């Protein structure tokens, strides 16, 4: 049974997905429809979680907007995601960075992968 599901899911998966991990700062280019027009809007922040796998995989990006923390969850293989660019590599010690929600300022920074 799961073999049939895998075959169906394979049709909906993107082939060229950029490699990024939790802790990386990414710029997600999202397609937004306004009436009959379509434009691309960038959403830049830190990846705090990746969930599931296969075609159901999603990731959560957190950014600070005017002093307010904003989180947005994107399905990785969605046709509305134009691209995902890695701005800065991070090297956290956790798989999920939910603790960043309670931190502010410099404490909320994730260690860079270059400075290990």
C-alpha atoms as a PDB file:
ATOM      1  CA  UNK A   1       0.000   0.000   0.000  1.00  0.00           C
ATOM      2  CA  UNK A   2       2.743   2.501   0.920  1.00  0.00           C
ATOM      3  CA  UNK A   3       4.416   1.825  -2.426  1.00  0.00           C
ATOM      4  CA  UNK A   4       1.367   3.222  -4.248  1.00  0.00           C
ATOM      5  CA  UNK A   5       1.396   6.323  -2.029  1.00  0.00           C
ATOM      6  CA  UNK A   6       5.117   6.835  -2.692  1.00  0.00           C
ATOM      7  CA  UNK A   7       4.495   6.716  -6.446  1.00  0.00           C
ATOM      8  CA  UNK A   8       1.711   9.318  -6.216  1.00  0.00           C
ATOM      9  CA  UNK A   9       3.777  11.613  -3.972  1.00  0.00           C
ATOM     10  CA  UNK A  10       6.777  11.418  -6.300  1.00  0.00           C
ATOM     11  CA  UNK A  11       4.787  13.248  -9.004  1.00  0.00           C
ATOM     12  CA  UNK A  12       4.347  16.293  -6.738  1.00  0.00           C
ATOM     13  CA  UNK A  13       7.919  16.581  -5.487  1.00  0.00           C
ATOM     14  CA  UNK A  14      10.268  19.277  -6.792  1.00  0.00           C
ATOM     15  CA  UNK A  15      13.497  18.055  -8.324  1.00  0.00           C
ATOM     16  CA  UNK A  16      15.763  21.056  -7.641  1.00  0.00           C
ATOM     17  CA  UNK A  17      15.351  21.764  -3.931  1.00  0.00           C
ATOM     18  CA  UNK A  18      18.191  23.748  -2.333  1.00  0.00           C
ATOM     19  CA  UNK A  19      19.983  22.164   0.608  1.00  0.00           C
ATOM     20  CA  UNK A  20      19.484  23.931   3.933  1.00  0.00           C
ATOM     21  CA  UNK A  21      19.248  22.881   7.554  1.00  0.00           C
ATOM     22  CA  UNK A  22      17.816  24.098  10.828  1.00  0.00           C
ATOM     23  CA  UNK A  23      19.726  27.168  12.022  1.00  0.00           C
ATOM     24  CA  UNK A  24      20.420  28.511   8.530  1.00  0.00           C
ATOM     25  CA  UNK A  25      19.271  31.991   7.580  1.00  0.00           C
ATOM     26  CA  UNK A  26      17.320  31.638   4.353  1.00  0.00           C
ATOM     27  CA  UNK A  27      15.530  33.861   1.880  1.00  0.00           C
ATOM     28  CA  UNK A  28      12.310  32.215   0.694  1.00  0.00           C
ATOM     29  CA  UNK A  29      10.893  33.671  -2.522  1.00  0.00           C
ATOM     30  CA  UNK A  30       7.116  33.172  -2.379  1.00  0.00           C
ATOM     31  CA  UNK A  31       4.727  33.638  -5.295  1.00  0.00           C
ATOM     32  CA  UNK A  32       1.817  35.885  -4.300  1.00  0.00           C
ATOM     33  CA  UNK A  33      -1.320  36.324  -6.387  1.00  0.00           C
ATOM     34  CA  UNK A  34      -2.976  39.734  -6.357  1.00  0.00           C
ATOM     35  CA  UNK A  35      -6.035  39.691  -8.567  1.00  0.00           C
ATOM     36  CA  UNK A  36      -4.870  38.413 -11.946  1.00  0.00           C
ATOM     37  CA  UNK A  37      -1.228  39.410 -11.370  1.00  0.00           C
ATOM     38  CA  UNK A  38       1.472  37.312  -9.731  1.00  0.00           C
ATOM     39  CA  UNK A  39       4.587  38.628  -8.023  1.00  0.00           C
ATOM     40  CA  UNK A  40       7.418  37.225  -5.941  1.00  0.00           C
ATOM     41  CA  UNK A  41       7.931  38.369  -2.356  1.00  0.00           C
ATOM     42  CA  UNK A  42      11.017  37.528  -0.303  1.00  0.00           C
ATOM     43  CA  UNK A  43      10.724  36.301   3.290  1.00  0.00           C
ATOM     44  CA  UNK A  44      14.069  36.162   5.105  1.00  0.00           C
ATOM     45  CA  UNK A  45      14.641  34.563   8.493  1.00  0.00           C
ATOM     46  CA  UNK A  46      16.091  31.668  10.467  1.00  0.00           C
ATOM     47  CA  UNK A  47      14.871  28.113   9.887  1.00  0.00           C
ATOM     48  CA  UNK A  48      13.749  26.915  13.326  1.00  0.00           C
ATOM     49  CA  UNK A  49      12.210  23.566  12.314  1.00  0.00           C
ATOM     50  CA  UNK A  50      11.916  21.007   9.542  1.00  0.00           C
ATOM     51  CA  UNK A  51       9.125  18.432   9.706  1.00  0.00           C
ATOM     52  CA  UNK A  52       8.151  15.164   7.996  1.00  0.00           C
ATOM     53  CA  UNK A  53       9.728  13.994   4.771  1.00  0.00           C
ATOM     54  CA  UNK A  54       8.948  13.304   1.150  1.00  0.00           C
ATOM     55  CA  UNK A  55       6.292  15.472  -0.458  1.00  0.00           C
ATOM     56  CA  UNK A  56       4.826  16.421   2.950  1.00  0.00           C
ATOM     57  CA  UNK A  57       8.045  18.057   4.170  1.00  0.00           C
ATOM     58  CA  UNK A  58       7.693  21.557   5.601  1.00  0.00           C
ATOM     59  CA  UNK A  59       9.947  24.077   7.300  1.00  0.00           C
ATOM     60  CA  UNK A  60       9.301  26.978   9.667  1.00  0.00           C
ATOM     61  CA  UNK A  61      11.078  30.310   9.224  1.00  0.00           C
ATOM     62  CA  UNK A  62      11.183  32.943  11.968  1.00  0.00           C
ATOM     63  CA  UNK A  63      12.027  36.596  11.496  1.00  0.00           C
ATOM     64  CA  UNK A  64      11.819  39.745  13.554  1.00  0.00           C
ATOM     65  CA  UNK A  65       9.551  42.329  11.930  1.00  0.00           C
ATOM     66  CA  UNK A  66       9.367  45.750  13.628  1.00  0.00           C
ATOM     67  CA  UNK A  67      10.193  44.236  17.017  1.00  0.00           C
ATOM     68  CA  UNK A  68       7.608  41.459  16.669  1.00  0.00           C
ATOM     69  CA  UNK A  69       8.604  37.841  16.059  1.00  0.00           C
ATOM     70  CA  UNK A  70       6.863  36.419  12.994  1.00  0.00           C
ATOM     71  CA  UNK A  71       6.895  32.724  12.053  1.00  0.00           C
ATOM     72  CA  UNK A  72       5.737  31.234   8.815  1.00  0.00           C
ATOM     73  CA  UNK A  73       5.585  27.562   7.838  1.00  0.00           C
ATOM     74  CA  UNK A  74       6.183  26.647   4.193  1.00  0.00           C
ATOM     75  CA  UNK A  75       5.577  23.315   2.469  1.00  0.00           C
ATOM     76  CA  UNK A  76       8.940  22.518   0.845  1.00  0.00           C
ATOM     77  CA  UNK A  77       7.513  21.145  -2.408  1.00  0.00           C
ATOM     78  CA  UNK A  78       4.758  23.744  -2.832  1.00  0.00           C
ATOM     79  CA  UNK A  79       4.392  25.322  -6.292  1.00  0.00           C
ATOM     80  CA  UNK A  80       4.028  28.695  -4.499  1.00  0.00           C
ATOM     81  CA  UNK A  81       7.681  28.539  -3.368  1.00  0.00           C
ATOM     82  CA  UNK A  82       9.775  29.995  -6.207  1.00  0.00           C
ATOM     83  CA  UNK A  83      13.148  29.362  -4.537  1.00  0.00           C
ATOM     84  CA  UNK A  84      14.983  29.055  -1.231  1.00  0.00           C
ATOM     85  CA  UNK A  85      18.401  30.724  -0.973  1.00  0.00           C
ATOM     86  CA  UNK A  86      20.765  30.141   1.944  1.00  0.00           C
ATOM     87  CA  UNK A  87      22.026  33.528   3.168  1.00  0.00           C
ATOM     88  CA  UNK A  88      24.056  32.268   6.152  1.00  0.00           C
ATOM     89  CA  UNK A  89      24.850  28.801   7.443  1.00  0.00           C
ATOM     90  CA  UNK A  90      24.230  28.096  11.122  1.00  0.00           C
ATOM     91  CA  UNK A  91      25.328  25.290  13.399  1.00  0.00           C
ATOM     92  CA  UNK A  92      22.852  24.823  16.245  1.00  0.00           C
ATOM     93  CA  UNK A  93      22.980  21.948  18.713  1.00  0.00           C
ATOM     94  CA  UNK A  94      19.284  21.147  18.430  1.00  0.00           C
ATOM     95  CA  UNK A  95      16.974  19.797  15.734  1.00  0.00           C
ATOM     96  CA  UNK A  96      14.198  22.236  16.625  1.00  0.00           C
ATOM     97  CA  UNK A  97      14.995  25.801  17.685  1.00  0.00           C
ATOM     98  CA  UNK A  98      11.732  26.615  19.439  1.00  0.00           C
ATOM     99  CA  UNK A  99      13.701  28.104  22.352  1.00  0.00           C
ATOM    100  CA  UNK A 100      14.558  31.091  20.123  1.00  0.00           C
ATOM    101  CA  UNK A 101      10.963  32.300  20.613  1.00  0.00           C
ATOM    102  CA  UNK A 102      11.799  33.293  24.189  1.00  0.00           C
ATOM    103  CA  UNK A 103      15.068  35.068  23.364  1.00  0.00           C
ATOM    104  CA  UNK A 104      15.662  38.641  22.237  1.00  0.00           C
ATOM    105  CA  UNK A 105      18.593  40.602  20.840  1.00  0.00           C
ATOM    106  CA  UNK A 106      22.022  38.984  20.694  1.00  0.00           C
ATOM    107  CA  UNK A 107      20.850  35.959  22.678  1.00  0.00           C
ATOM    108  CA  UNK A 108      18.597  34.974  19.773  1.00  0.00           C
ATOM    109  CA  UNK A 109      21.561  34.684  17.366  1.00  0.00           C
ATOM    110  CA  UNK A 110      22.498  31.245  16.069  1.00  0.00           C
ATOM    111  CA  UNK A 111      26.208  30.396  15.901  1.00  0.00           C
ATOM    112  CA  UNK A 112      27.615  30.625  12.397  1.00  0.00           C
ATOM    113  CA  UNK A 113      28.947  27.452  10.781  1.00  0.00           C
ATOM    114  CA  UNK A 114      32.121  29.293   9.635  1.00  0.00           C
ATOM    115  CA  UNK A 115      33.221  30.227  13.174  1.00  0.00           C
ATOM    116  CA  UNK A 116      33.388  26.719  14.666  1.00  0.00           C
END
